[in-house]
C-alpha atoms as a PDB file:
ATOM      1  CA  UNK A   1     111.594 118.631  -3.435  1.00  0.00           C
ATOM      2  CA  UNK A   2     111.520 117.005  -6.836  1.00  0.00           C
ATOM      3  CA  UNK A   3     114.572 116.013  -8.859  1.00  0.00           C
ATOM      4  CA  UNK A   4     116.115 118.911 -10.745  1.00  0.00           C
ATOM      5  CA  UNK A   5     118.048 118.385 -14.024  1.00  0.00           C
ATOM      6  CA  UNK A   6     120.156 121.463 -13.288  1.00  0.00           C
ATOM      7  CA  UNK A   7     121.326 121.057  -9.691  1.00  0.00           C
ATOM      8  CA  UNK A   8     122.149 123.930  -7.405  1.00  0.00           C
ATOM      9  CA  UNK A   9     125.827 123.932  -6.529  1.00  0.00           C
ATOM     10  CA  UNK A  10     126.226 124.758  -2.847  1.00  0.00           C
ATOM     11  CA  UNK A  11     129.145 125.556  -0.566  1.00  0.00           C
ATOM     12  CA  UNK A  12     129.417 125.405   3.214  1.00  0.00           C
ATOM     13  CA  UNK A  13     131.471 128.124   4.905  1.00  0.00           C
ATOM     14  CA  UNK A  14     132.837 126.912   8.220  1.00  0.00           C
ATOM     15  CA  UNK A  15     132.946 123.224   9.089  1.00  0.00           C
ATOM     16  CA  UNK A  16     132.505 123.315  12.836  1.00  0.00           C
ATOM     17  CA  UNK A  17     129.600 121.585  14.603  1.00  0.00           C
ATOM     18  CA  UNK A  18     126.912 123.512  12.709  1.00  0.00           C
ATOM     19  CA  UNK A  19     128.752 123.427   9.413  1.00  0.00           C
ATOM     20  CA  UNK A  20     129.183 119.652   9.519  1.00  0.00           C
ATOM     21  CA  UNK A  21     125.445 119.238   9.922  1.00  0.00           C
ATOM     22  CA  UNK A  22     124.856 121.440   6.879  1.00  0.00           C
ATOM     23  CA  UNK A  23     127.355 119.331   4.952  1.00  0.00           C
ATOM     24  CA  UNK A  24     125.521 116.163   5.970  1.00  0.00           C
ATOM     25  CA  UNK A  25     122.114 117.452   4.867  1.00  0.00           C
ATOM     26  CA  UNK A  26     123.364 118.786   1.522  1.00  0.00           C
ATOM     27  CA  UNK A  27     125.068 115.476   0.789  1.00  0.00           C
ATOM     28  CA  UNK A  28     121.890 113.563   1.751  1.00  0.00           C
ATOM     29  CA  UNK A  29     119.865 115.704  -0.660  1.00  0.00           C
ATOM     30  CA  UNK A  30     122.494 115.193  -3.351  1.00  0.00           C
ATOM     31  CA  UNK A  31     122.391 111.410  -2.967  1.00  0.00           C
ATOM     32  CA  UNK A  32     118.593 111.436  -3.063  1.00  0.00           C
ATOM     33  CA  UNK A  33     118.631 113.272  -6.381  1.00  0.00           C
ATOM     34  CA  UNK A  34     116.996 116.412  -5.009  1.00  0.00           C
ATOM     35  CA  UNK A  35     118.720 118.798  -7.385  1.00  0.00           C
ATOM     36  CA  UNK A  36     121.628 119.691  -5.094  1.00  0.00           C
ATOM     37  CA  UNK A  37     125.365 119.240  -5.463  1.00  0.00           C
ATOM     38  CA  UNK A  38     127.842 119.861  -2.668  1.00  0.00           C
ATOM     39  CA  UNK A  39     130.450 121.862  -4.551  1.00  0.00           C
ATOM     40  CA  UNK A  40     132.926 123.275  -2.020  1.00  0.00           C
ATOM     41  CA  UNK A  41     133.833 123.827   1.594  1.00  0.00           C
ATOM     42  CA  UNK A  42     135.434 126.942   3.056  1.00  0.00           C
ATOM     43  CA  UNK A  43     137.539 126.197   6.133  1.00  0.00           C
ATOM     44  CA  UNK A  44     140.547 128.196   7.354  1.00  0.00           C
ATOM     45  CA  UNK A  45     141.920 125.494   9.684  1.00  0.00           C
ATOM     46  CA  UNK A  46     144.526 123.700   7.544  1.00  0.00           C
ATOM     47  CA  UNK A  47     144.491 120.419   9.474  1.00  0.00           C
ATOM     48  CA  UNK A  48     140.687 120.266   9.445  1.00  0.00           C
ATOM     49  CA  UNK A  49     140.637 121.211   5.765  1.00  0.00           C
ATOM     50  CA  UNK A  50     142.768 118.198   4.871  1.00  0.00           C
ATOM     51  CA  UNK A  51     140.422 115.787   6.622  1.00  0.00           C
ATOM     52  CA  UNK A  52     137.364 117.478   5.119  1.00  0.00           C
ATOM     53  CA  UNK A  53     138.788 117.136   1.612  1.00  0.00           C
ATOM     54  CA  UNK A  54     139.202 113.409   2.137  1.00  0.00           C
ATOM     55  CA  UNK A  55     135.852 112.876   3.877  1.00  0.00           C
ATOM     56  CA  UNK A  56     133.620 114.862   1.503  1.00  0.00           C
ATOM     57  CA  UNK A  57     135.560 114.558  -1.762  1.00  0.00           C
ATOM     58  CA  UNK A  58     135.068 118.218  -2.697  1.00  0.00           C
ATOM     59  CA  UNK A  59     137.488 121.149  -2.973  1.00  0.00           C
ATOM     60  CA  UNK A  60     138.259 122.896   0.313  1.00  0.00           C
ATOM     61  CA  UNK A  61     139.341 126.538   0.301  1.00  0.00           C
ATOM     62  CA  UNK A  62     140.970 128.521   3.082  1.00  0.00           C
ATOM     63  CA  UNK A  63     139.062 131.746   2.399  1.00  0.00           C
ATOM     64  CA  UNK A  64     136.174 133.307   0.525  1.00  0.00           C
ATOM     65  CA  UNK A  65     138.612 135.044  -1.790  1.00  0.00           C
ATOM     66  CA  UNK A  66     140.292 131.755  -2.682  1.00  0.00           C
ATOM     67  CA  UNK A  67     136.950 130.073  -3.397  1.00  0.00           C
ATOM     68  CA  UNK A  68     135.678 132.958  -5.517  1.00  0.00           C
ATOM     69  CA  UNK A  69     138.932 133.038  -7.485  1.00  0.00           C
ATOM     70  CA  UNK A  70     138.488 129.327  -8.278  1.00  0.00           C
ATOM     71  CA  UNK A  71     134.895 130.043  -9.286  1.00  0.00           C
ATOM     72  CA  UNK A  72     136.006 132.872 -11.586  1.00  0.00           C
ATOM     73  CA  UNK A  73     138.498 130.518 -13.232  1.00  0.00           C
ATOM     74  CA  UNK A  74     135.676 128.075 -13.903  1.00  0.00           C
ATOM     75  CA  UNK A  75     137.090 125.398 -11.598  1.00  0.00           C
ATOM     76  CA  UNK A  76     133.917 125.220  -9.483  1.00  0.00           C
ATOM     77  CA  UNK A  77     130.335 126.433  -9.563  1.00  0.00           C
ATOM     78  CA  UNK A  78     128.600 127.960  -6.538  1.00  0.00           C
ATOM     79  CA  UNK A  79     124.972 129.110  -6.660  1.00  0.00           C
ATOM     80  CA  UNK A  80     124.238 129.144  -2.935  1.00  0.00           C
ATOM     81  CA  UNK A  81     126.030 128.739   0.379  1.00  0.00           C
ATOM     82  CA  UNK A  82     125.525 128.174   4.087  1.00  0.00           C
ATOM     83  CA  UNK A  83     127.476 130.560   6.308  1.00  0.00           C
ATOM     84  CA  UNK A  84     128.354 128.668   9.504  1.00  0.00           C
ATOM     85  CA  UNK A  85     131.465 130.519  10.660  1.00  0.00           C
ATOM     86  CA  UNK A  86     131.596 132.245  14.095  1.00  0.00           C
ATOM     87  CA  UNK A  87     129.190 135.184  14.384  1.00  0.00           C
ATOM     88  CA  UNK A  88     132.007 137.735  14.423  1.00  0.00           C
ATOM     89  CA  UNK A  89     132.931 136.607  10.884  1.00  0.00           C
ATOM     90  CA  UNK A  90     129.432 136.465   9.380  1.00  0.00           C
ATOM     91  CA  UNK A  91     129.600 139.821   7.626  1.00  0.00           C
ATOM     92  CA  UNK A  92     133.182 139.375   6.408  1.00  0.00           C
ATOM     93  CA  UNK A  93     132.284 136.037   4.824  1.00  0.00           C
ATOM     94  CA  UNK A  94     128.747 136.820   3.645  1.00  0.00           C
ATOM     95  CA  UNK A  95     129.325 140.237   2.043  1.00  0.00           C
ATOM     96  CA  UNK A  96     131.708 139.131  -0.738  1.00  0.00           C
ATOM     97  CA  UNK A  97     129.509 136.105  -1.468  1.00  0.00           C
ATOM     98  CA  UNK A  98     126.421 138.297  -1.920  1.00  0.00           C
ATOM     99  CA  UNK A  99     128.472 140.675  -4.069  1.00  0.00           C
ATOM    100  CA  UNK A 100     129.453 137.669  -6.211  1.00  0.00           C
ATOM    101  CA  UNK A 101     125.783 136.797  -6.784  1.00  0.00           C
ATOM    102  CA  UNK A 102     125.524 133.875  -4.362  1.00  0.00           C
ATOM    103  CA  UNK A 103     122.374 133.222  -2.298  1.00  0.00           C
ATOM    104  CA  UNK A 104     122.962 132.645   1.411  1.00  0.00           C
ATOM    105  CA  UNK A 105     121.623 130.832   4.432  1.00  0.00           C
ATOM    106  CA  UNK A 106     123.347 132.547   7.368  1.00  0.00           C
ATOM    107  CA  UNK A 107     123.336 130.849  10.764  1.00  0.00           C
ATOM    108  CA  UNK A 108     121.906 132.856  13.645  1.00  0.00           C
ATOM    109  CA  UNK A 109     122.555 135.493  14.756  1.00  0.00           C
ATOM    110  CA  UNK A 110     122.667 136.923  11.271  1.00  0.00           C
ATOM    111  CA  UNK A 111     125.522 139.303  12.162  1.00  0.00           C
ATOM    112  CA  UNK A 112     127.474 140.679  15.085  1.00  0.00           C
ATOM    113  CA  UNK A 113     125.772 144.089  14.922  1.00  0.00           C
ATOM    114  CA  UNK A 114     122.676 145.696  13.440  1.00  0.00           C
ATOM    115  CA  UNK A 115     124.940 147.837  11.240  1.00  0.00           C
ATOM    116  CA  UNK A 116     126.419 144.688   9.703  1.00  0.00           C
ATOM    117  CA  UNK A 117     122.941 143.185   9.333  1.00  0.00           C
ATOM    118  CA  UNK A 118     121.694 146.361   7.636  1.00  0.00           C
ATOM    119  CA  UNK A 119     124.606 146.248   5.213  1.00  0.00           C
ATOM    120  CA  UNK A 120     123.884 142.613   4.274  1.00  0.00           C
ATOM    121  CA  UNK A 121     120.194 143.411   3.780  1.00  0.00           C
ATOM    122  CA  UNK A 122     121.037 146.386   1.559  1.00  0.00           C
ATOM    123  CA  UNK A 123     123.445 144.277  -0.478  1.00  0.00           C
ATOM    124  CA  UNK A 124     120.883 141.492  -0.866  1.00  0.00           C
ATOM    125  CA  UNK A 125     118.401 143.990  -2.300  1.00  0.00           C
ATOM    126  CA  UNK A 126     121.008 145.624  -4.534  1.00  0.00           C
ATOM    127  CA  UNK A 127     122.190 142.353  -6.054  1.00  0.00           C
ATOM    128  CA  UNK A 128     118.845 140.542  -5.999  1.00  0.00           C
ATOM    129  CA  UNK A 129     120.053 137.764  -3.706  1.00  0.00           C
ATOM    130  CA  UNK A 130     118.197 135.465  -1.320  1.00  0.00           C
ATOM    131  CA  UNK A 131     119.482 135.848   2.242  1.00  0.00           C
ATOM    132  CA  UNK A 132     117.795 133.590   4.784  1.00  0.00           C
ATOM    133  CA  UNK A 133     118.464 133.892   8.518  1.00  0.00           C
ATOM    134  CA  UNK A 134     119.202 130.530  10.106  1.00  0.00           C
ATOM    135  CA  UNK A 135     116.659 130.529  12.907  1.00  0.00           C
ATOM    136  CA  UNK A 136     116.291 126.766  13.078  1.00  0.00           C
ATOM    137  CA  UNK A 137     113.359 126.594  15.517  1.00  0.00           C
ATOM    138  CA  UNK A 138     111.080 128.218  12.917  1.00  0.00           C
ATOM    139  CA  UNK A 139     111.310 124.837  11.165  1.00  0.00           C
ATOM    140  CA  UNK A 140     110.755 122.723  14.259  1.00  0.00           C
ATOM    141  CA  UNK A 141     107.762 120.490  13.389  1.00  0.00           C
ATOM    142  CA  UNK A 142     106.032 121.508  16.634  1.00  0.00           C
ATOM    143  CA  UNK A 143     106.376 125.204  15.789  1.00  0.00           C
ATOM    144  CA  UNK A 144     105.052 124.591  12.271  1.00  0.00           C
ATOM    145  CA  UNK A 145     102.114 122.601  13.644  1.00  0.00           C
ATOM    146  CA  UNK A 146     101.143 125.284  16.167  1.00  0.00           C
ATOM    147  CA  UNK A 147     100.671 128.009  13.543  1.00  0.00           C
ATOM    148  CA  UNK A 148      96.985 127.184  12.783  1.00  0.00           C
ATOM    149  CA  UNK A 149      96.234 127.273  16.531  1.00  0.00           C
ATOM    150  CA  UNK A 150      97.407 130.836  17.153  1.00  0.00           C
ATOM    151  CA  UNK A 151      94.727 133.198  18.439  1.00  0.00           C
ATOM    152  CA  UNK A 152      96.290 136.351  19.896  1.00  0.00           C
ATOM    153  CA  UNK A 153      98.585 134.910  22.588  1.00  0.00           C
ATOM    154  CA  UNK A 154      98.981 137.308  25.506  1.00  0.00           C
ATOM    155  CA  UNK A 155     101.545 135.620  27.772  1.00  0.00           C
ATOM    156  CA  UNK A 156     104.642 133.581  26.904  1.00  0.00           C
ATOM    157  CA  UNK A 157     107.023 131.624  29.119  1.00  0.00           C
ATOM    158  CA  UNK A 158     110.193 130.314  27.450  1.00  0.00           C
ATOM    159  CA  UNK A 159     112.874 128.136  29.006  1.00  0.00           C
ATOM    160  CA  UNK A 160     116.024 127.162  27.107  1.00  0.00           C
ATOM    161  CA  UNK A 161     118.585 125.492  29.341  1.00  0.00           C
ATOM    162  CA  UNK A 162     121.736 123.759  28.182  1.00  0.00           C
ATOM    163  CA  UNK A 163     124.694 121.965  29.718  1.00  0.00           C
ATOM    164  CA  UNK A 164     127.919 123.967  29.414  1.00  0.00           C
ATOM    165  CA  UNK A 165     130.125 123.318  26.386  1.00  0.00           C
ATOM    166  CA  UNK A 166     132.984 125.414  24.980  1.00  0.00           C
ATOM    167  CA  UNK A 167     130.980 125.887  21.754  1.00  0.00           C
ATOM    168  CA  UNK A 168     129.802 129.378  20.699  1.00  0.00           C
ATOM    169  CA  UNK A 169     131.609 131.238  23.467  1.00  0.00           C
ATOM    170  CA  UNK A 170     132.220 134.117  21.049  1.00  0.00           C
ATOM    171  CA  UNK A 171     128.691 135.251  21.953  1.00  0.00           C
ATOM    172  CA  UNK A 172     126.702 135.423  25.196  1.00  0.00           C
ATOM    173  CA  UNK A 173     123.748 133.228  26.140  1.00  0.00           C
ATOM    174  CA  UNK A 174     121.222 135.753  24.766  1.00  0.00           C
ATOM    175  CA  UNK A 175     122.737 135.650  21.272  1.00  0.00           C
ATOM    176  CA  UNK A 176     123.573 131.955  21.554  1.00  0.00           C
ATOM    177  CA  UNK A 177     120.369 130.421  22.973  1.00  0.00           C
ATOM    178  CA  UNK A 178     117.676 132.938  23.911  1.00  0.00           C
ATOM    179  CA  UNK A 179     117.606 134.431  20.418  1.00  0.00           C
ATOM    180  CA  UNK A 180     115.773 131.303  19.193  1.00  0.00           C
ATOM    181  CA  UNK A 181     112.816 132.047  21.456  1.00  0.00           C
ATOM    182  CA  UNK A 182     112.997 135.791  20.821  1.00  0.00           C
ATOM    183  CA  UNK A 183     112.626 135.093  17.107  1.00  0.00           C
ATOM    184  CA  UNK A 184     109.674 132.740  17.623  1.00  0.00           C
ATOM    185  CA  UNK A 185     107.816 135.209  19.840  1.00  0.00           C
ATOM    186  CA  UNK A 186     108.532 138.122  17.466  1.00  0.00           C
ATOM    187  CA  UNK A 187     107.131 136.046  14.609  1.00  0.00           C
ATOM    188  CA  UNK A 188     103.895 135.522  16.561  1.00  0.00           C
ATOM    189  CA  UNK A 189     103.335 138.872  18.301  1.00  0.00           C
ATOM    190  CA  UNK A 190     102.452 141.646  15.885  1.00  0.00           C
ATOM    191  CA  UNK A 191     103.498 144.540  18.109  1.00  0.00           C
ATOM    192  CA  UNK A 192     106.554 146.525  19.149  1.00  0.00           C
ATOM    193  CA  UNK A 193     108.422 145.854  22.384  1.00  0.00           C
ATOM    194  CA  UNK A 194     107.567 148.598  24.874  1.00  0.00           C
ATOM    195  CA  UNK A 195     109.595 147.631  27.924  1.00  0.00           C
ATOM    196  CA  UNK A 196     112.529 145.351  28.757  1.00  0.00           C
ATOM    197  CA  UNK A 197     113.573 144.098  32.194  1.00  0.00           C
ATOM    198  CA  UNK A 198     116.629 141.857  32.180  1.00  0.00           C
ATOM    199  CA  UNK A 199     119.228 140.334  34.477  1.00  0.00           C
ATOM    200  CA  UNK A 200     122.157 138.112  33.594  1.00  0.00           C
ATOM    201  CA  UNK A 201     125.447 136.823  34.935  1.00  0.00           C
ATOM    202  CA  UNK A 202     128.677 135.337  33.621  1.00  0.00           C
ATOM    203  CA  UNK A 203     129.299 132.001  35.347  1.00  0.00           C
ATOM    204  CA  UNK A 204     131.835 129.875  33.475  1.00  0.00           C
ATOM    205  CA  UNK A 205     132.816 132.286  30.705  1.00  0.00           C
ATOM    206  CA  UNK A 206     133.562 135.997  30.402  1.00  0.00           C
ATOM    207  CA  UNK A 207     130.158 136.633  28.828  1.00  0.00           C
ATOM    208  CA  UNK A 208     126.627 136.287  30.221  1.00  0.00           C
ATOM    209  CA  UNK A 209     125.913 132.568  30.714  1.00  0.00           C
ATOM    210  CA  UNK A 210     122.490 132.788  32.357  1.00  0.00           C
ATOM    211  CA  UNK A 211     119.786 135.383  31.794  1.00  0.00           C
ATOM    212  CA  UNK A 212     116.184 136.124  32.631  1.00  0.00           C
ATOM    213  CA  UNK A 213     114.185 138.647  30.624  1.00  0.00           C
ATOM    214  CA  UNK A 214     110.689 140.101  30.809  1.00  0.00           C
ATOM    215  CA  UNK A 215     109.307 141.852  27.736  1.00  0.00           C
ATOM    216  CA  UNK A 216     106.113 143.842  27.504  1.00  0.00           C
ATOM    217  CA  UNK A 217     104.733 144.620  24.052  1.00  0.00           C
ATOM    218  CA  UNK A 218     102.622 147.612  23.075  1.00  0.00           C
ATOM    219  CA  UNK A 219      99.692 145.223  22.581  1.00  0.00           C
ATOM    220  CA  UNK A 220      99.827 144.307  26.285  1.00  0.00           C
ATOM    221  CA  UNK A 221     101.349 140.902  25.600  1.00  0.00           C
ATOM    222  CA  UNK A 222     104.019 139.859  28.117  1.00  0.00           C
ATOM    223  CA  UNK A 223     106.832 137.359  27.542  1.00  0.00           C
ATOM    224  CA  UNK A 224     109.275 135.892  30.040  1.00  0.00           C
ATOM    225  CA  UNK A 225     112.483 134.228  28.843  1.00  0.00           C
ATOM    226  CA  UNK A 226     115.049 132.196  30.768  1.00  0.00           C
ATOM    227  CA  UNK A 227     118.203 130.972  29.073  1.00  0.00           C
ATOM    228  CA  UNK A 228     121.181 129.204  30.586  1.00  0.00           C
ATOM    229  CA  UNK A 229     124.189 127.384  29.212  1.00  0.00           C
ATOM    230  CA  UNK A 230     125.354 126.262  32.650  1.00  0.00           C
ATOM    231  CA  UNK A 231     122.403 124.053  33.527  1.00  0.00           C
ATOM    232  CA  UNK A 232     122.506 120.445  34.742  1.00  0.00           C
ATOM    233  CA  UNK A 233     119.735 119.528  32.302  1.00  0.00           C
ATOM    234  CA  UNK A 234     118.568 120.210  28.759  1.00  0.00           C
ATOM    235  CA  UNK A 235     115.240 122.058  28.531  1.00  0.00           C
ATOM    236  CA  UNK A 236     113.746 123.687  25.431  1.00  0.00           C
ATOM    237  CA  UNK A 237     110.125 124.664  25.996  1.00  0.00           C
ATOM    238  CA  UNK A 238     107.775 127.496  25.102  1.00  0.00           C
ATOM    239  CA  UNK A 239     104.394 127.877  26.801  1.00  0.00           C
ATOM    240  CA  UNK A 240     101.785 130.501  26.060  1.00  0.00           C
ATOM    241  CA  UNK A 241      98.276 131.510  27.010  1.00  0.00           C
ATOM    242  CA  UNK A 242      95.648 132.867  24.645  1.00  0.00           C
ATOM    243  CA  UNK A 243      91.899 133.359  25.143  1.00  0.00           C
ATOM    244  CA  UNK A 244      90.492 130.164  26.697  1.00  0.00           C
ATOM    245  CA  UNK A 245      93.571 128.136  25.834  1.00  0.00           C
ATOM    246  CA  UNK A 246      97.006 127.105  27.109  1.00  0.00           C
ATOM    247  CA  UNK A 247      99.579 125.672  24.678  1.00  0.00           C
ATOM    248  CA  UNK A 248     102.925 124.077  25.482  1.00  0.00           C
ATOM    249  CA  UNK A 249     105.611 123.423  22.857  1.00  0.00           C
ATOM    250  CA  UNK A 250     108.451 121.031  23.620  1.00  0.00           C
ATOM    251  CA  UNK A 251     111.107 121.857  21.037  1.00  0.00           C
ATOM    252  CA  UNK A 252     113.231 118.815  21.898  1.00  0.00           C
ATOM    253  CA  UNK A 253     110.389 116.301  21.732  1.00  0.00           C
ATOM    254  CA  UNK A 254     108.796 118.203  18.855  1.00  0.00           C
ATOM    255  CA  UNK A 255     105.293 117.930  20.279  1.00  0.00           C
ATOM    256  CA  UNK A 256     102.435 120.164  21.407  1.00  0.00           C
ATOM    257  CA  UNK A 257     100.077 120.001  24.363  1.00  0.00           C
ATOM    258  CA  UNK A 258      96.851 122.022  24.191  1.00  0.00           C
ATOM    259  CA  UNK A 259      94.524 122.628  27.131  1.00  0.00           C
ATOM    260  CA  UNK A 260      91.192 124.239  26.321  1.00  0.00           C
ATOM    261  CA  UNK A 261      89.656 126.226  29.188  1.00  0.00           C
ATOM    262  CA  UNK A 262      85.920 125.967  28.709  1.00  0.00           C
ATOM    263  CA  UNK A 263      83.082 125.074  31.048  1.00  0.00           C
ATOM    264  CA  UNK A 264      81.721 122.788  28.316  1.00  0.00           C
ATOM    265  CA  UNK A 265      85.068 121.246  27.404  1.00  0.00           C
ATOM    266  CA  UNK A 266      85.453 117.483  27.367  1.00  0.00           C
ATOM    267  CA  UNK A 267      87.257 116.807  30.624  1.00  0.00           C
ATOM    268  CA  UNK A 268      87.447 113.055  30.136  1.00  0.00           C
ATOM    269  CA  UNK A 269      91.220 113.234  29.795  1.00  0.00           C
ATOM    270  CA  UNK A 270      91.792 115.400  32.866  1.00  0.00           C
ATOM    271  CA  UNK A 271      90.787 115.425  36.517  1.00  0.00           C
ATOM    272  CA  UNK A 272      89.611 119.037  36.341  1.00  0.00           C
ATOM    273  CA  UNK A 273      86.139 119.852  34.959  1.00  0.00           C
ATOM    274  CA  UNK A 274      86.205 122.422  32.190  1.00  0.00           C
ATOM    275  CA  UNK A 275      89.702 121.562  30.982  1.00  0.00           C
ATOM    276  CA  UNK A 276      89.988 119.677  27.713  1.00  0.00           C
ATOM    277  CA  UNK A 277      93.434 118.235  26.958  1.00  0.00           C
ATOM    278  CA  UNK A 278      94.635 117.254  23.494  1.00  0.00           C
ATOM    279  CA  UNK A 279      97.867 116.631  21.619  1.00  0.00           C
ATOM    280  CA  UNK A 280      97.635 117.779  17.991  1.00  0.00           C
ATOM    281  CA  UNK A 281      99.371 115.657  15.394  1.00  0.00           C
ATOM    282  CA  UNK A 282     102.872 116.799  14.516  1.00  0.00           C
ATOM    283  CA  UNK A 283     104.525 115.575  11.322  1.00  0.00           C
ATOM    284  CA  UNK A 284     108.026 114.622  12.416  1.00  0.00           C
ATOM    285  CA  UNK A 285     111.051 115.721  10.406  1.00  0.00           C
ATOM    286  CA  UNK A 286     114.550 117.070  11.040  1.00  0.00           C
ATOM    287  CA  UNK A 287     114.348 120.874  11.464  1.00  0.00           C
ATOM    288  CA  UNK A 288     117.685 121.494   9.738  1.00  0.00           C
ATOM    289  CA  UNK A 289     116.634 119.524   6.689  1.00  0.00           C
ATOM    290  CA  UNK A 290     113.345 121.442   6.538  1.00  0.00           C
ATOM    291  CA  UNK A 291     115.256 124.709   6.876  1.00  0.00           C
ATOM    292  CA  UNK A 292     117.709 123.864   4.084  1.00  0.00           C
ATOM    293  CA  UNK A 293     114.955 122.539   1.815  1.00  0.00           C
ATOM    294  CA  UNK A 294     113.016 125.768   2.353  1.00  0.00           C
ATOM    295  CA  UNK A 295     116.122 127.819   1.556  1.00  0.00           C
ATOM    296  CA  UNK A 296     116.794 125.888  -1.656  1.00  0.00           C
ATOM    297  CA  UNK A 297     113.152 126.265  -2.686  1.00  0.00           C
ATOM    298  CA  UNK A 298     113.452 130.046  -2.244  1.00  0.00           C
ATOM    299  CA  UNK A 299     116.629 130.048  -4.317  1.00  0.00           C
ATOM    300  CA  UNK A 300     115.023 128.074  -7.150  1.00  0.00           C
ATOM    301  CA  UNK A 301     111.732 129.976  -7.174  1.00  0.00           C
ATOM    302  CA  UNK A 302     113.366 133.374  -6.423  1.00  0.00           C
ATOM    303  CA  UNK A 303     110.830 133.955  -3.672  1.00  0.00           C
ATOM    304  CA  UNK A 304     111.306 135.479  -0.194  1.00  0.00           C
ATOM    305  CA  UNK A 305     112.553 132.976   2.405  1.00  0.00           C
ATOM    306  CA  UNK A 306     110.366 131.870   5.301  1.00  0.00           C
ATOM    307  CA  UNK A 307     112.845 133.545   7.673  1.00  0.00           C
ATOM    308  CA  UNK A 308     114.080 136.710   6.006  1.00  0.00           C
ATOM    309  CA  UNK A 309     117.235 138.669   6.678  1.00  0.00           C
ATOM    310  CA  UNK A 310     114.946 141.346   8.123  1.00  0.00           C
ATOM    311  CA  UNK A 311     113.590 138.764  10.592  1.00  0.00           C
ATOM    312  CA  UNK A 312     117.143 137.912  11.568  1.00  0.00           C
ATOM    313  CA  UNK A 313     117.911 141.592  12.010  1.00  0.00           C
ATOM    314  CA  UNK A 314     114.852 142.084  14.256  1.00  0.00           C
ATOM    315  CA  UNK A 315     115.848 139.190  16.529  1.00  0.00           C
ATOM    316  CA  UNK A 316     119.440 140.457  16.661  1.00  0.00           C
ATOM    317  CA  UNK A 317     118.343 144.011  17.498  1.00  0.00           C
ATOM    318  CA  UNK A 318     116.145 142.790  20.349  1.00  0.00           C
ATOM    319  CA  UNK A 319     118.919 140.532  21.688  1.00  0.00           C
ATOM    320  CA  UNK A 320     121.349 143.454  21.703  1.00  0.00           C
ATOM    321  CA  UNK A 321     118.784 145.651  23.502  1.00  0.00           C
ATOM    322  CA  UNK A 322     118.425 142.909  26.110  1.00  0.00           C
ATOM    323  CA  UNK A 323     122.197 142.789  26.543  1.00  0.00           C
ATOM    324  CA  UNK A 324     122.230 146.541  27.125  1.00  0.00           C
ATOM    325  CA  UNK A 325     119.498 146.126  29.737  1.00  0.00           C
ATOM    326  CA  UNK A 326     121.521 143.356  31.419  1.00  0.00           C
ATOM    327  CA  UNK A 327     124.607 145.583  31.502  1.00  0.00           C
ATOM    328  CA  UNK A 328     122.613 148.475  32.985  1.00  0.00           C
ATOM    329  CA  UNK A 329     121.141 146.209  35.667  1.00  0.00           C
ATOM    330  CA  UNK A 330     124.582 144.827  36.511  1.00  0.00           C
ATOM    331  CA  UNK A 331     125.888 148.374  36.946  1.00  0.00           C
ATOM    332  CA  UNK A 332     122.961 149.441  39.149  1.00  0.00           C
ATOM    333  CA  UNK A 333     123.305 146.314  41.292  1.00  0.00           C
ATOM    334  CA  UNK A 334     127.095 146.471  41.480  1.00  0.00           C
ATOM    335  CA  UNK A 335     127.399 143.101  39.752  1.00  0.00           C
ATOM    336  CA  UNK A 336     129.894 144.461  37.232  1.00  0.00           C
ATOM    337  CA  UNK A 337     132.490 144.596  40.035  1.00  0.00           C
ATOM    338  CA  UNK A 338     132.632 140.815  40.423  1.00  0.00           C
END
């Protein structure tokens, strides 16, 4: 991103764990002269707001309405914003910003319901705004590097395990963690989901904390997903098979392992004849910075974002279908009585 004589003025809505990372990246870009200026923070917690005002040296507003009123008075400028509030508040915060002509990067899931997502999409089209869904793993260097290697994958195995924290308990593990992998697989498989088998259980919260899902697509592709936020270890991996090839993505390490299955393959790096192992080069970078840079590029160029609001809506819709399947299984198995 080159220097820009007319910087984009950005706001961050919600200064929790995710919001603070957005603040950090915007300020880094500002200091590097990348045509960005951190203009405002929206945070309803009064005590936190006071510390944010001192730490970031920008105005802090308690609500969208307060920030927009200051903008209308000419006290601040806002061209774009990151929406990092709890999922249940995404629509309430994003809708008036879109209506005010502000481009948005909305953390995943894009909304609490498909109806809310549809409304944001309609508003974005009506007002000509950029709305990017914050599916961070799309910008993981390993995911970016695997794109040229794709050749009709037919089986996926995703594991996303996390140690329990009180963060994001307003949503279940499917909307909190699994949705990352759902989005990645949907971006790769060009087919509709035909069948869903799912099981999940609440463990340490009132919502589903661990889930296992099997999807079958109309193309015949099958994908298995396991997500847990009550694990004793951190695991973030996606493995898939395609004709004559096995590929493993480690999201955390941001690397790729490729095994070619070919009788003539160079087996010098393995003990099994016919298997050629290689690790493609991955250009390392922080996914969040890549995501925000991509968003700002879309805003400047007025071009569709890499991860559209429609993509966010598709991942949300599938996650909600999975939750319905989990609820139906729990009822059939009598698990809803515990």
